[in-house]
Amino acid sequence: MDKIKSDKIITKHIKKIYGFSLSKTKNIYLAEELASRITFEAYKSLLNSDEVENIDGYIYRISQNVYNRFMSEEIAEKVLSEKTIEPSVEQYDDKEDEYLKLRNAIAYLSKTQREVVVMHYYDKKKIKDIAKKLCISLENVKWHLFEARNKLKDGYSEQGNLYKSDYIKLINIANYGSPGPLHIEVPFFFTSTLSQNIVYSAYEKAKTAMEIAKELGVPAVFVENEVEHLIESNFMTMSVGNKLRTNVFIDKPCTEKAKKIDAIVAKYAYKIYEDYIPELLKAIKHYDRELIYTPNSDVNFLLWAMVCYACYKKLAFKDKTTEIIKHIQKRRYYGENIALATLEEPNKHTSNEKEMFIDENFWGSPPDFYPYETWQFTSKLDDRSDRSTDWMYNQFESLYDFLAGRITKDIEHIYTYKNLFDKGFIISKENSEVANVVITKLSEEEFSKILPSVSAHLKELSGQIDEEQFNILKKYVPKNMHDICRAININRLAAGDIRVSLIELLLKNNILKPLKKNQRMSVNTIMFNGILPAT
């Protein structure tokens, strides 16, 4: 590949490479080193290759391979470092087991206690020298030694019962707000079971790192290392007495709570069905085909999107953003947002995660080359399996290129065509391909004017459902999370689960028809641009 083309590809992907590196290392210095290595390897590989069909996949594979090598080096360096400062196990001959037990027990001490023990017993330092080195009093050093000896005695005698097996798991980890310019999403910070259990441990009640370690049954050094990263990115805060408190809003499943929420959702979905749906049906009964495209002129497919979009656009009456901003946490290097997660229910697997998941996104691109905006609502109603937003811009840009006639059926564009088919954005029709999403020439503002106005009654109901929901939920969250709970549950009448319930109601009453198989990938997607496909 020539140098000019390789330069363009690297320039386009440099932010994604750095974002990948940061998400993997969670350390800005390591991320810079890893990103530079990936960039070098990717650039060298591109120069030595011919044409590459899937650039995104190509760069990702290189990134993953370089990351694996990078981590191998880091681990090797850490092991070597440990060997230089610790006495060799070989010195202990038949006492090897005792040495390992003692070493494990030391890991359960707090950071200060570990330092005191190592300095006093290994470095042979006097108590007054330790006090000077750690900037603490003589009495403090003596107390730490006393406590450490007792804990070592207890930990040494526990013989294999040091680790718990009943760890919790957090799912649906997400964020309200901005992931930052590097697009580092909150889930990247909670890939380990330990980090998830630490934030959950200090969710209801503030605890010290030692208390968390004892509760989880893991060495204090492990907890302290994780806590350092969690505090740095403001997922936890340290208060008086070295108490840690979680800044992640955790939804804990509860059968009683779920039944109450389901009842509210069903009640208010029916009120929308009675009050608003008849007006919406009238408004789109004779839609202008010169301005709005629906695949194969399928009005049912259009109605699915219009119902969900109308709820999103017309039933949100309060300025939720203003309330959310009050509770935004600044993440060092990573953006500003509220972190959210759901506690996985015991004895349940993530197979039902799709049913619980609801997401909504609005994408746009630079107007000079890709003058479009796209709205998409994702829930259990569709068959979209890939929820990652990392590459969605590219997907919609490819769809726009298809509409503009910029891609042709040749080897150069074979991957683009396949990808559009796989995502359900285009389908075959006779001897050609057609777009499989709702597309309009209208701007979002113009499109919204087609939708009927909302009655004063529905506006009143919006305040009622918000209050009902909060009164239920506040019993299940810590008091310090009440304000966040209220803020993220504003505009419940426009929420995703209400829309899902409304769609199910419309299906039950035969106002909507079930989707065809090839529609379930692209349903509830509306593209606003100046190009309308031929019908």
Protein backbone atom coordinates (compact mmCIF):
# COMPACT_ATOMS: atom_id res chain seq x y z
CA MET A 1 0.00 0.00 0.00
CA ASP A 2 1.37 3.44 -0.85
CA LYS A 3 2.54 5.83 1.90
CA ILE A 4 -0.15 8.50 1.32
CA LYS A 5 -3.01 6.01 1.75
CA SER A 6 -1.36 4.44 4.79
CA ASP A 7 -0.92 7.90 6.37
CA LYS A 8 -4.62 8.65 5.89
CA ILE A 9 -5.69 5.36 7.47
CA ILE A 10 -3.44 5.84 10.50
CA THR A 11 -4.58 9.45 10.95
CA LYS A 12 -8.23 8.34 10.84
CA HIS A 13 -7.70 5.58 13.40
CA ILE A 14 -5.24 7.22 15.81
CA LYS A 15 -7.93 8.26 18.33
CA LYS A 16 -9.50 4.81 18.26
CA ILE A 17 -6.08 3.24 18.83
CA TYR A 18 -5.45 5.47 21.84
CA GLY A 19 -8.95 4.81 23.16
CA PHE A 20 -8.34 1.06 22.83
CA SER A 21 -5.02 1.40 24.67
CA LEU A 22 -6.51 3.48 27.47
CA SER A 23 -9.43 1.11 27.95
CA LYS A 24 -7.05 -1.84 28.26
CA THR A 25 -4.41 -0.32 30.53
CA LYS A 26 -6.50 2.22 32.51
CA ASN A 27 -3.25 4.17 32.87
CA ILE A 28 -2.44 7.19 30.73
CA TYR A 29 1.31 6.52 30.67
CA LEU A 30 0.98 2.86 29.74
CA ALA A 31 -1.71 3.80 27.20
CA GLU A 32 0.64 6.21 25.44
CA GLU A 33 3.33 3.53 25.23
CA LEU A 34 0.88 0.87 23.99
CA ALA A 35 -0.72 3.25 21.45
CA SER A 36 2.67 4.17 20.00
CA ARG A 37 3.54 0.50 19.56
CA ILE A 38 0.21 -0.29 17.91
CA THR A 39 0.53 2.71 15.59
CA PHE A 40 4.04 1.66 14.57
CA GLU A 41 3.03 -1.96 13.91
CA ALA A 42 -0.14 -0.95 12.04
CA TYR A 43 1.71 1.56 9.86
CA LYS A 44 4.48 -0.92 9.07
CA SER A 45 1.94 -3.62 8.25
CA LEU A 46 -0.10 -1.33 5.97
CA LEU A 47 2.99 -0.31 4.00
CA ASN A 48 3.85 -3.98 3.45
CA SER A 49 0.34 -5.07 2.45
CA ASP A 50 -1.79 -4.80 -0.64
CA GLU A 51 -5.37 -3.55 -0.41
CA VAL A 52 -7.19 -4.31 2.86
CA GLU A 53 -10.94 -4.94 2.65
CA ASN A 54 -11.85 -4.49 6.33
CA ILE A 55 -9.63 -1.71 7.66
CA ASP A 56 -11.39 -1.52 11.06
CA GLY A 57 -11.03 -5.25 11.65
CA TYR A 58 -7.44 -5.20 10.38
CA ILE A 59 -6.42 -2.41 12.79
CA TYR A 60 -8.28 -4.09 15.66
CA ARG A 61 -6.47 -7.42 15.13
CA ILE A 62 -3.10 -5.68 15.12
CA SER A 63 -4.08 -3.73 18.26
CA GLN A 64 -5.08 -6.91 20.07
CA ASN A 65 -1.89 -8.74 19.07
CA VAL A 66 0.35 -5.85 20.15
CA TYR A 67 -1.60 -5.55 23.42
CA ASN A 68 -1.10 -9.27 24.16
CA ARG A 69 2.67 -8.95 23.60
CA PHE A 70 2.75 -5.74 25.64
CA MET A 71 1.03 -7.40 28.62
CA SER A 72 3.38 -10.38 28.43
CA GLU A 73 6.30 -7.97 28.77
CA GLU A 74 4.64 -6.17 31.69
CA ILE A 75 3.97 -9.42 33.54
CA ALA A 76 7.51 -10.67 32.93
CA GLU A 77 8.96 -7.40 34.22
CA LYS A 78 6.77 -7.56 37.33
CA VAL A 79 7.82 -11.13 38.10
CA LEU A 80 11.49 -10.24 37.64
CA SER A 81 11.06 -7.25 39.93
CA GLU A 82 9.47 -9.39 42.63
CA LYS A 83 12.30 -11.91 42.44
CA THR A 84 14.93 -9.26 43.09
CA ILE A 85 13.35 -7.98 46.31
CA GLU A 86 12.03 -11.19 47.85
CA PRO A 87 14.03 -13.97 49.43
CA SER A 88 14.20 -17.08 47.27
CA VAL A 89 11.80 -19.87 48.10
CA GLU A 90 14.67 -22.29 47.57
CA GLN A 91 16.26 -21.00 50.81
CA TYR A 92 13.47 -22.62 52.75
CA ASP A 93 13.80 -26.13 51.39
CA ASP A 94 11.22 -28.18 53.35
CA LYS A 95 9.68 -24.97 54.73
CA GLU A 96 8.51 -23.83 51.31
CA ASP A 97 4.83 -24.28 52.20
CA GLU A 98 5.23 -22.26 55.38
CA TYR A 99 6.93 -19.47 53.47
CA LEU A 100 4.17 -19.32 50.87
CA LYS A 101 1.49 -19.30 53.58
CA LEU A 102 3.22 -16.44 55.35
CA ARG A 103 3.62 -14.52 52.10
CA ASN A 104 -0.12 -14.91 51.36
CA ALA A 105 -1.00 -13.76 54.86
CA ILE A 106 1.16 -10.63 54.45
CA ALA A 107 -0.82 -9.76 51.33
CA TYR A 108 -3.92 -9.41 53.53
CA LEU A 109 -2.38 -6.61 55.58
CA SER A 110 -3.04 -2.95 54.86
CA LYS A 111 -0.45 -0.99 52.86
CA THR A 112 1.05 0.69 55.94
CA GLN A 113 1.17 -2.57 57.89
CA ARG A 114 2.91 -4.34 55.00
CA GLU A 115 5.51 -1.55 54.83
CA VAL A 116 6.11 -1.68 58.58
CA VAL A 117 6.48 -5.49 58.62
CA VAL A 118 8.86 -5.56 55.64
CA MET A 119 11.02 -2.72 56.99
CA HIS A 120 11.17 -4.12 60.52
CA TYR A 121 11.64 -7.85 59.87
CA TYR A 122 13.21 -7.93 56.40
CA ASP A 123 15.19 -4.66 56.21
CA LYS A 124 16.02 -4.86 59.94
CA LYS A 125 15.13 -1.20 60.45
CA LYS A 126 14.55 0.22 63.92
CA ILE A 127 11.13 1.49 64.91
CA LYS A 128 12.31 5.10 65.08
CA ASP A 129 13.73 4.85 61.53
CA ILE A 130 10.47 3.37 60.26
CA ALA A 131 8.53 6.20 61.90
CA LYS A 132 10.76 8.77 60.20
CA LYS A 133 10.53 7.02 56.82
CA LEU A 134 6.71 6.77 56.90
CA CYS A 135 6.21 10.15 58.66
CA ILE A 136 4.19 8.60 61.49
CA SER A 137 4.72 8.48 65.25
CA LEU A 138 6.63 5.76 67.17
CA GLU A 139 3.37 4.71 68.86
CA ASN A 140 1.76 4.34 65.44
CA VAL A 141 4.54 2.06 64.22
CA LYS A 142 4.28 -0.08 67.37
CA TRP A 143 0.51 -0.32 66.97
CA HIS A 144 0.83 -1.36 63.31
CA LEU A 145 3.38 -4.03 64.24
CA PHE A 146 1.10 -5.34 66.98
CA GLU A 147 -1.94 -5.44 64.66
CA ALA A 148 0.08 -6.97 61.83
CA ARG A 149 1.38 -9.79 64.05
CA ASN A 150 -2.15 -10.66 65.15
CA LYS A 151 -3.50 -10.59 61.59
CA LEU A 152 -0.58 -12.66 60.31
CA LYS A 153 -1.29 -15.22 63.04
CA ASP A 154 -4.98 -15.39 62.02
CA GLY A 155 -4.32 -15.35 58.28
CA TYR A 156 -1.55 -17.96 58.56
CA SER A 157 -3.86 -20.38 60.33
CA GLU A 158 -6.80 -20.08 57.93
CA GLN A 159 -5.42 -22.80 55.62
CA GLY A 160 -7.11 -22.28 52.29
CA ASN A 161 -10.31 -20.47 53.30
CA LEU A 162 -9.01 -17.12 52.10
CA TYR A 163 -11.13 -16.68 48.96
CA LYS A 164 -14.91 -16.46 48.64
CA SER A 165 -16.76 -18.06 45.75
CA ASP A 166 -19.99 -16.09 46.04
CA TYR A 167 -18.85 -12.96 44.20
CA ILE A 168 -21.52 -10.78 42.62
CA LYS A 169 -21.59 -9.72 38.98
CA LEU A 170 -22.65 -6.39 37.50
CA ILE A 171 -24.35 -6.32 34.09
CA ASN A 172 -25.76 -3.60 31.83
CA ILE A 173 -22.91 -1.29 32.88
CA ALA A 174 -23.43 2.03 31.11
CA ASN A 175 -23.29 5.78 31.59
CA TYR A 176 -25.45 8.88 31.39
CA GLY A 177 -23.41 11.68 29.89
CA SER A 178 -20.28 12.01 27.80
CA PRO A 179 -17.63 9.26 27.47
CA GLY A 180 -15.15 12.01 26.59
CA PRO A 181 -13.20 12.72 23.40
CA LEU A 182 -11.55 9.29 23.56
CA HIS A 183 -14.95 7.53 23.72
CA ILE A 184 -13.96 5.44 26.75
CA GLU A 185 -17.20 3.89 27.99
CA VAL A 186 -17.77 3.00 31.66
CA PRO A 187 -17.84 -0.81 31.10
CA PHE A 188 -14.11 -0.73 30.27
CA PHE A 189 -13.36 0.09 33.92
CA PHE A 190 -15.28 -2.87 35.33
CA THR A 191 -14.04 -5.83 33.33
CA SER A 192 -12.68 -7.55 36.45
CA THR A 193 -14.84 -9.34 39.00
CA LEU A 194 -12.87 -7.71 41.81
CA SER A 195 -13.57 -4.11 40.72
CA GLN A 196 -17.30 -4.91 40.46
CA ASN A 197 -17.36 -6.46 43.92
CA ILE A 198 -15.44 -3.57 45.46
CA VAL A 199 -17.92 -0.93 44.25
CA TYR A 200 -20.85 -3.07 45.31
CA SER A 201 -19.35 -3.69 48.76
CA ALA A 202 -19.20 0.06 49.48
CA TYR A 203 -22.54 0.90 47.82
CA GLU A 204 -24.94 0.71 50.77
CA LYS A 205 -22.41 1.72 53.41
CA ALA A 206 -18.99 3.42 53.34
CA LYS A 207 -16.12 1.05 54.22
CA THR A 208 -12.35 1.09 54.47
CA ALA A 209 -10.23 -0.88 52.00
CA MET A 210 -9.42 -3.34 54.81
CA GLU A 211 -13.11 -3.86 55.58
CA ILE A 212 -13.83 -4.48 51.90
CA ALA A 213 -10.91 -6.91 51.65
CA LYS A 214 -12.13 -8.82 54.70
CA GLU A 215 -15.69 -8.95 53.37
CA LEU A 216 -14.56 -10.21 49.95
CA GLY A 217 -11.94 -12.55 51.35
CA VAL A 218 -9.11 -11.23 49.17
CA PRO A 219 -5.71 -9.74 50.02
CA ALA A 220 -5.81 -6.08 50.97
CA VAL A 221 -3.09 -5.33 48.42
CA PHE A 222 -5.45 -6.43 45.61
CA VAL A 223 -8.25 -4.20 46.88
CA GLU A 224 -5.95 -1.21 47.37
CA ASN A 225 -4.62 -1.51 43.82
CA GLU A 226 -8.13 -1.58 42.34
CA VAL A 227 -9.35 1.21 44.63
CA GLU A 228 -6.53 3.45 43.44
CA HIS A 229 -7.87 3.27 39.86
CA LEU A 230 -11.50 3.60 40.97
CA ILE A 231 -10.77 6.73 43.00
CA GLU A 232 -8.66 8.21 40.19
CA SER A 233 -11.64 7.98 37.81
CA ASN A 234 -14.13 9.05 40.51
CA PHE A 235 -16.06 5.78 40.67
CA MET A 236 -15.33 5.87 44.40
CA THR A 237 -14.57 8.67 46.85
CA MET A 238 -12.58 8.66 50.09
CA SER A 239 -14.17 10.30 53.13
CA VAL A 240 -13.30 10.78 56.81
CA GLY A 241 -11.63 7.79 58.40
CA ASN A 242 -10.42 6.48 55.04
CA LYS A 243 -13.95 5.28 54.33
CA LEU A 244 -14.71 4.54 50.67
CA ARG A 245 -18.11 5.23 49.10
CA THR A 246 -19.28 4.10 45.67
CA ASN A 247 -20.28 6.66 43.02
CA VAL A 248 -21.95 4.10 40.74
CA PHE A 249 -25.75 3.85 40.70
CA ILE A 250 -26.51 0.13 41.07
CA ASP A 251 -29.95 -1.25 40.33
CA LYS A 252 -30.58 -4.34 42.47
CA PRO A 253 -33.26 -6.67 41.05
CA CYS A 254 -36.14 -7.35 43.39
CA THR A 255 -39.33 -9.26 42.55
CA GLU A 256 -41.52 -6.94 44.61
CA LYS A 257 -40.01 -3.82 43.02
CA ALA A 258 -40.24 -5.28 39.52
CA LYS A 259 -43.93 -6.07 39.90
CA LYS A 260 -44.67 -2.52 41.03
CA ILE A 261 -42.71 -1.00 38.14
CA ASP A 262 -44.32 -3.37 35.62
CA ALA A 263 -47.73 -2.28 36.86
CA ILE A 264 -46.83 1.39 36.39
CA VAL A 265 -45.45 0.75 32.89
CA ALA A 266 -48.56 -1.15 31.78
CA LYS A 267 -50.89 1.49 33.25
CA TYR A 268 -49.26 4.46 31.57
CA ALA A 269 -48.64 2.65 28.26
CA TYR A 270 -52.39 2.10 28.10
CA LYS A 271 -53.04 5.79 28.78
CA ILE A 272 -50.77 6.71 25.83
CA TYR A 273 -52.56 4.09 23.73
CA GLU A 274 -55.94 5.68 24.49
CA ASP A 275 -54.95 9.34 24.36
CA TYR A 276 -52.22 9.67 21.72
CA ILE A 277 -52.15 6.69 19.35
CA PRO A 278 -55.47 7.52 17.57
CA GLU A 279 -54.11 10.98 16.72
CA LEU A 280 -50.78 9.52 15.56
CA LEU A 281 -52.53 7.05 13.26
CA LYS A 282 -54.47 9.88 11.63
CA ALA A 283 -51.32 11.95 11.16
CA ILE A 284 -49.40 9.28 9.25
CA LYS A 285 -52.30 7.61 7.44
CA HIS A 286 -51.50 9.42 4.19
CA TYR A 287 -47.77 10.03 4.56
CA ASP A 288 -45.97 11.81 1.70
CA ARG A 289 -43.95 9.21 -0.22
CA GLU A 290 -41.99 11.98 -1.88
CA LEU A 291 -40.60 12.90 1.53
CA ILE A 292 -40.61 9.63 3.50
CA TYR A 293 -39.32 6.23 2.37
CA THR A 294 -40.22 2.93 3.99
CA PRO A 295 -38.88 -0.38 2.55
CA ASN A 296 -41.28 -1.92 0.01
CA SER A 297 -43.76 0.86 0.96
CA ASP A 298 -44.51 -1.10 4.15
CA VAL A 299 -46.68 1.19 6.29
CA ASN A 300 -46.54 -1.25 9.21
CA PHE A 301 -42.72 -0.99 9.33
CA LEU A 302 -43.02 2.80 9.23
CA LEU A 303 -45.59 2.80 12.02
CA TRP A 304 -43.31 0.79 14.32
CA ALA A 305 -40.65 3.49 13.99
CA MET A 306 -43.11 6.38 14.21
CA VAL A 307 -44.68 5.11 17.46
CA CYS A 308 -41.31 4.77 19.20
CA TYR A 309 -39.96 8.02 17.77
CA ALA A 310 -43.12 9.93 18.75
CA CYS A 311 -42.75 8.74 22.37
CA TYR A 312 -39.12 9.84 22.36
CA LYS A 313 -39.85 13.22 20.78
CA LYS A 314 -43.26 14.25 22.11
CA LEU A 315 -43.62 12.70 25.58
CA ALA A 316 -40.51 14.14 27.24
CA PHE A 317 -41.60 17.41 28.85
CA LYS A 318 -38.87 18.17 31.39
CA ASP A 319 -35.28 19.24 30.81
CA LYS A 320 -33.65 16.02 31.98
CA THR A 321 -30.17 17.13 30.92
CA THR A 322 -30.18 20.02 33.41
CA GLU A 323 -31.02 17.67 36.27
CA ILE A 324 -28.50 15.04 35.17
CA ILE A 325 -25.68 17.59 34.95
CA LYS A 326 -26.08 18.31 38.68
CA HIS A 327 -24.88 14.78 39.44
CA ILE A 328 -22.27 14.29 36.73
CA GLN A 329 -18.94 12.84 37.86
CA LYS A 330 -15.77 13.95 36.08
CA ARG A 331 -13.66 10.99 35.02
CA ARG A 332 -9.97 11.73 34.80
CA TYR A 333 -9.16 11.72 31.06
CA TYR A 334 -12.42 9.89 30.25
CA GLY A 335 -15.33 12.31 30.14
CA GLU A 336 -18.17 13.37 32.44
CA ASN A 337 -21.08 11.09 33.27
CA ILE A 338 -23.11 9.14 35.80
CA ALA A 339 -22.11 5.47 35.97
CA LEU A 340 -24.93 2.92 36.06
CA ALA A 341 -25.03 -0.84 36.53
CA THR A 342 -27.43 -3.67 37.35
CA LEU A 343 -26.74 -6.42 39.86
CA GLU A 344 -27.14 -9.79 38.17
CA GLU A 345 -29.79 -11.90 39.84
CA PRO A 346 -28.57 -15.08 41.59
CA ASN A 347 -28.82 -18.28 39.53
CA LYS A 348 -29.54 -16.31 36.36
CA HIS A 349 -27.32 -16.03 33.32
CA THR A 350 -26.90 -13.22 30.82
CA SER A 351 -29.08 -15.01 28.26
CA ASN A 352 -31.94 -12.70 29.23
CA GLU A 353 -29.78 -9.58 29.05
CA LYS A 354 -31.23 -8.64 25.65
CA GLU A 355 -34.72 -8.60 27.10
CA MET A 356 -33.68 -6.09 29.76
CA PHE A 357 -31.54 -3.94 27.50
CA ILE A 358 -32.94 -0.69 26.11
CA ASP A 359 -30.82 1.90 24.35
CA GLU A 360 -31.30 4.98 22.22
CA ASN A 361 -28.78 6.82 20.08
CA PHE A 362 -28.62 9.74 17.69
CA TRP A 363 -25.77 9.78 15.19
CA GLY A 364 -24.59 12.54 12.88
CA SER A 365 -21.60 13.15 10.61
CA PRO A 366 -19.77 16.14 9.14
CA PRO A 367 -22.31 17.81 6.81
CA ASP A 368 -19.84 18.50 4.01
CA PHE A 369 -19.49 14.84 3.05
CA TYR A 370 -22.10 12.91 5.03
CA PRO A 371 -25.07 15.25 5.57
CA TYR A 372 -27.28 12.91 7.57
CA GLU A 373 -28.55 12.24 11.09
CA THR A 374 -29.84 8.90 12.32
CA TRP A 375 -32.05 7.92 15.24
CA GLN A 376 -32.19 4.35 16.49
CA PHE A 377 -34.07 2.69 19.35
CA THR A 378 -32.81 -0.74 20.43
CA SER A 379 -34.70 -3.15 22.70
CA LYS A 380 -35.97 -6.73 22.92
CA LEU A 381 -38.25 -5.87 19.98
CA ASP A 382 -35.38 -6.26 17.50
CA ASP A 383 -32.68 -8.76 16.57
CA ARG A 384 -29.69 -6.41 16.79
CA SER A 385 -26.98 -8.41 18.50
CA ASP A 386 -24.14 -5.85 18.36
CA ARG A 387 -24.77 -3.05 20.85
CA SER A 388 -21.38 -1.44 20.46
CA THR A 389 -21.54 2.14 19.18
CA ASP A 390 -17.83 2.22 18.32
CA TRP A 391 -18.30 1.54 14.63
CA MET A 392 -21.88 2.77 14.06
CA TYR A 393 -20.71 5.97 12.43
CA ASN A 394 -18.97 3.89 9.78
CA GLN A 395 -22.09 1.76 9.27
CA PHE A 396 -24.32 4.74 8.57
CA GLU A 397 -21.67 6.39 6.41
CA SER A 398 -21.61 3.18 4.33
CA LEU A 399 -25.40 3.29 4.04
CA TYR A 400 -25.23 6.92 2.91
CA ASP A 401 -22.58 5.95 0.33
CA PHE A 402 -24.94 3.21 -0.90
CA LEU A 403 -27.79 5.70 -1.28
CA ALA A 404 -25.51 8.17 -3.06
CA GLY A 405 -24.27 5.50 -5.49
CA ARG A 406 -20.68 5.77 -4.25
CA ILE A 407 -20.20 2.01 -3.85
CA THR A 408 -20.41 -0.53 -6.62
CA LYS A 409 -20.58 -4.32 -6.82
CA ASP A 410 -16.91 -4.99 -7.25
CA ILE A 411 -14.16 -6.51 -5.14
CA GLU A 412 -13.25 -3.14 -3.61
CA HIS A 413 -16.65 -2.79 -1.95
CA ILE A 414 -17.51 -6.42 -1.26
CA TYR A 415 -16.94 -6.09 2.50
CA THR A 416 -19.05 -2.91 2.66
CA TYR A 417 -21.95 -4.66 0.92
CA LYS A 418 -21.66 -7.69 3.18
CA ASN A 419 -21.60 -5.53 6.28
CA LEU A 420 -24.71 -3.61 5.22
CA PHE A 421 -26.50 -6.91 4.58
CA ASP A 422 -25.34 -8.35 7.92
CA LYS A 423 -26.60 -5.29 9.79
CA GLY A 424 -29.92 -5.45 7.93
CA PHE A 425 -29.43 -1.98 6.46
CA ILE A 426 -29.98 -3.26 2.91
CA ILE A 427 -31.94 -6.24 1.57
CA SER A 428 -32.35 -7.89 -1.82
CA LYS A 429 -35.33 -7.01 -3.97
CA GLU A 430 -35.66 -8.84 -7.28
CA ASN A 431 -32.28 -8.25 -8.99
CA SER A 432 -31.12 -5.32 -6.89
CA GLU A 433 -30.59 -4.12 -3.33
CA VAL A 434 -32.75 -1.62 -1.44
CA ALA A 435 -32.37 0.28 1.83
CA ASN A 436 -34.09 -1.43 4.76
CA VAL A 437 -34.59 1.51 7.13
CA VAL A 438 -37.01 4.43 7.24
CA ILE A 439 -35.46 7.38 5.38
CA THR A 440 -36.75 10.93 5.05
CA LYS A 441 -35.71 14.04 3.16
CA LEU A 442 -37.06 16.08 6.05
CA SER A 443 -34.86 17.41 8.81
CA GLU A 444 -35.51 16.07 12.29
CA GLU A 445 -37.31 19.30 13.17
CA GLU A 446 -39.53 19.12 10.08
CA PHE A 447 -40.19 15.43 10.61
CA SER A 448 -41.25 16.08 14.22
CA LYS A 449 -43.91 18.54 13.02
CA ILE A 450 -45.72 15.68 11.30
CA LEU A 451 -46.36 14.17 14.72
CA PRO A 452 -49.54 15.33 16.51
CA SER A 453 -49.36 17.60 19.53
CA VAL A 454 -49.74 16.10 22.99
CA SER A 455 -52.80 16.78 25.15
CA ALA A 456 -52.64 18.63 28.46
CA HIS A 457 -53.79 15.41 30.10
CA LEU A 458 -50.67 13.52 28.96
CA LYS A 459 -48.44 16.35 30.18
CA GLU A 460 -50.06 16.03 33.60
CA LEU A 461 -49.57 12.25 33.55
CA SER A 462 -45.85 12.75 32.88
CA GLY A 463 -45.37 14.35 36.30
CA GLN A 464 -47.49 11.67 37.95
CA ILE A 465 -45.52 8.71 36.63
CA ASP A 466 -42.18 10.31 37.57
CA GLU A 467 -43.36 10.73 41.16
CA GLU A 468 -44.87 7.25 41.38
CA GLN A 469 -41.70 5.67 40.05
CA PHE A 470 -39.42 7.55 42.45
CA ASN A 471 -41.57 6.70 45.47
CA ILE A 472 -41.13 3.03 44.64
CA LEU A 473 -37.42 3.11 43.80
CA LYS A 474 -36.20 5.23 46.72
CA LYS A 475 -36.89 2.33 49.09
CA TYR A 476 -34.35 0.21 47.24
CA VAL A 477 -31.38 2.62 46.94
CA PRO A 478 -29.11 4.27 49.54
CA LYS A 479 -30.10 7.78 50.63
CA ASN A 480 -27.02 9.31 49.02
CA MET A 481 -28.33 8.01 45.68
CA HIS A 482 -31.88 9.40 45.98
CA ASP A 483 -31.20 12.57 44.00
CA ILE A 484 -29.52 10.63 41.20
CA CYS A 485 -32.38 8.14 41.23
CA ARG A 486 -34.90 10.94 40.78
CA ALA A 487 -32.85 12.63 38.05
CA ILE A 488 -32.33 9.55 35.86
CA ASN A 489 -36.03 8.69 36.12
CA ILE A 490 -37.30 12.01 34.79
CA ASN A 491 -39.57 11.79 31.70
CA ARG A 492 -40.59 8.21 32.42
CA LEU A 493 -43.54 8.59 30.04
CA ALA A 494 -41.02 8.68 27.15
CA ALA A 495 -38.89 5.82 28.49
CA GLY A 496 -37.96 2.72 26.53
CA ASP A 497 -39.89 0.19 28.60
CA ILE A 498 -43.08 2.26 28.14
CA ARG A 499 -42.54 2.14 24.36
CA VAL A 500 -41.99 -1.62 24.44
CA SER A 501 -45.18 -2.08 26.45
CA LEU A 502 -47.04 0.22 24.04
CA ILE A 503 -45.83 -1.74 20.99
CA GLU A 504 -46.94 -5.00 22.64
CA LEU A 505 -50.34 -3.44 23.29
CA LEU A 506 -50.63 -2.35 19.65
CA LEU A 507 -49.68 -5.86 18.49
CA LYS A 508 -52.23 -7.41 20.82
CA ASN A 509 -54.96 -5.17 19.38
CA ASN A 510 -53.87 -5.80 15.76
CA ILE A 511 -53.03 -2.14 15.13
CA LEU A 512 -49.45 -3.24 14.46
CA LYS A 513 -48.46 -6.46 12.70
CA PRO A 514 -45.47 -8.60 13.69
CA LEU A 515 -42.24 -7.77 11.88
CA LYS A 516 -40.86 -9.91 9.08
CA LYS A 517 -37.55 -11.64 9.71
CA ASN A 518 -35.52 -9.22 7.57
CA GLN A 519 -37.08 -6.24 9.36
CA ARG A 520 -36.08 -7.19 12.90
CA MET A 521 -32.46 -6.11 12.36
CA SER A 522 -33.24 -2.56 11.25
CA VAL A 523 -36.58 -1.72 12.88
CA ASN A 524 -36.90 1.59 14.74
CA THR A 525 -34.17 3.28 12.71
CA ILE A 526 -34.85 6.60 10.97
CA MET A 527 -32.30 8.33 8.72
CA PHE A 528 -32.67 12.05 8.03
CA ASN A 529 -30.88 13.11 4.85
CA GLY A 530 -31.35 14.64 1.42
CA ILE A 531 -31.30 11.36 -0.53
CA LEU A 532 -34.44 9.27 -0.85
CA PRO A 533 -34.14 5.75 -2.34
CA ALA A 534 -36.13 4.87 -5.42
CA THR A 535 -39.28 2.89 -4.57
